[in-house]
Amino acid sequence: MFHKLSDIQSKNIGEGTRIWQFCVVLAGAKIGKNCNICANVFRGGLLKWKNLFLG
């Protein structure tokens, strides 16, 4: 689930990951499965973990 107010440029986002409002995920970012990226997070690198909570 990706919030409509997030800016997601990456195609490498794991299944079940949720990204909330005002988040920016750059094109080179890789995010694992079942992660929860809360509001106002900027991500440009690799998040290899599963079931991660950021925010």
Protein backbone atom coordinates (compact mmCIF):
# COMPACT_ATOMS: atom_id res chain seq x y z
CA MET A 1 0.00 0.00 0.00
CA PHE A 2 1.45 3.35 -1.03
CA HIS A 3 -0.13 6.55 0.23
CA LYS A 4 -1.17 8.93 -2.56
CA LEU A 5 0.90 11.76 -0.99
CA SER A 6 4.16 9.77 -1.07
CA ASP A 7 6.77 10.17 -3.82
CA ILE A 8 7.94 6.68 -4.83
CA GLN A 9 10.43 6.52 -7.68
CA SER A 10 11.77 2.99 -7.03
CA LYS A 11 10.43 -0.22 -8.57
CA ASN A 12 12.32 -2.36 -6.01
CA ILE A 13 9.89 -2.46 -3.09
CA GLY A 14 9.04 -5.76 -1.44
CA GLU A 15 5.62 -7.30 -1.25
CA GLY A 16 3.46 -6.18 1.66
CA THR A 17 5.46 -3.00 2.32
CA ARG A 18 3.47 0.09 3.34
CA ILE A 19 4.69 3.60 2.58
CA TRP A 20 2.84 6.52 4.15
CA GLN A 21 2.31 10.19 3.35
CA PHE A 22 5.17 12.62 2.63
CA CYS A 23 7.74 9.82 2.18
CA VAL A 24 10.32 10.02 -0.61
CA VAL A 25 11.82 6.79 -1.99
CA LEU A 26 14.45 7.46 -4.67
CA ALA A 27 14.86 5.39 -7.85
CA GLY A 28 17.91 3.45 -6.58
CA ALA A 29 16.31 2.40 -3.29
CA LYS A 30 15.62 -1.27 -2.49
CA ILE A 31 13.20 -2.04 0.33
CA GLY A 32 12.42 -5.54 1.64
CA LYS A 33 9.12 -7.31 2.31
CA ASN A 34 6.52 -6.29 4.90
CA CYS A 35 8.20 -3.01 5.88
CA ASN A 36 6.31 -0.03 7.27
CA ILE A 37 7.78 3.33 6.21
CA CYS A 38 5.98 5.99 8.27
CA ALA A 39 5.31 9.63 7.37
CA ASN A 40 8.14 12.05 6.50
CA VAL A 41 10.87 9.47 5.75
CA PHE A 42 13.46 10.00 3.00
CA ARG A 43 15.05 6.82 1.61
CA GLY A 44 17.70 6.64 -1.06
CA GLY A 45 19.66 3.47 -0.23
CA LEU A 46 19.17 -0.19 0.56
CA LEU A 47 16.91 -1.57 3.27
CA LYS A 48 17.52 -5.30 3.22
CA TRP A 49 15.53 -6.19 6.35
CA LYS A 50 12.11 -7.74 6.38
CA ASN A 51 9.35 -6.56 8.74
CA LEU A 52 11.13 -3.24 9.39
CA PHE A 53 9.41 -0.21 10.92
CA LEU A 54 10.84 3.25 10.09
CA GLY A 55 9.32 6.41 11.40
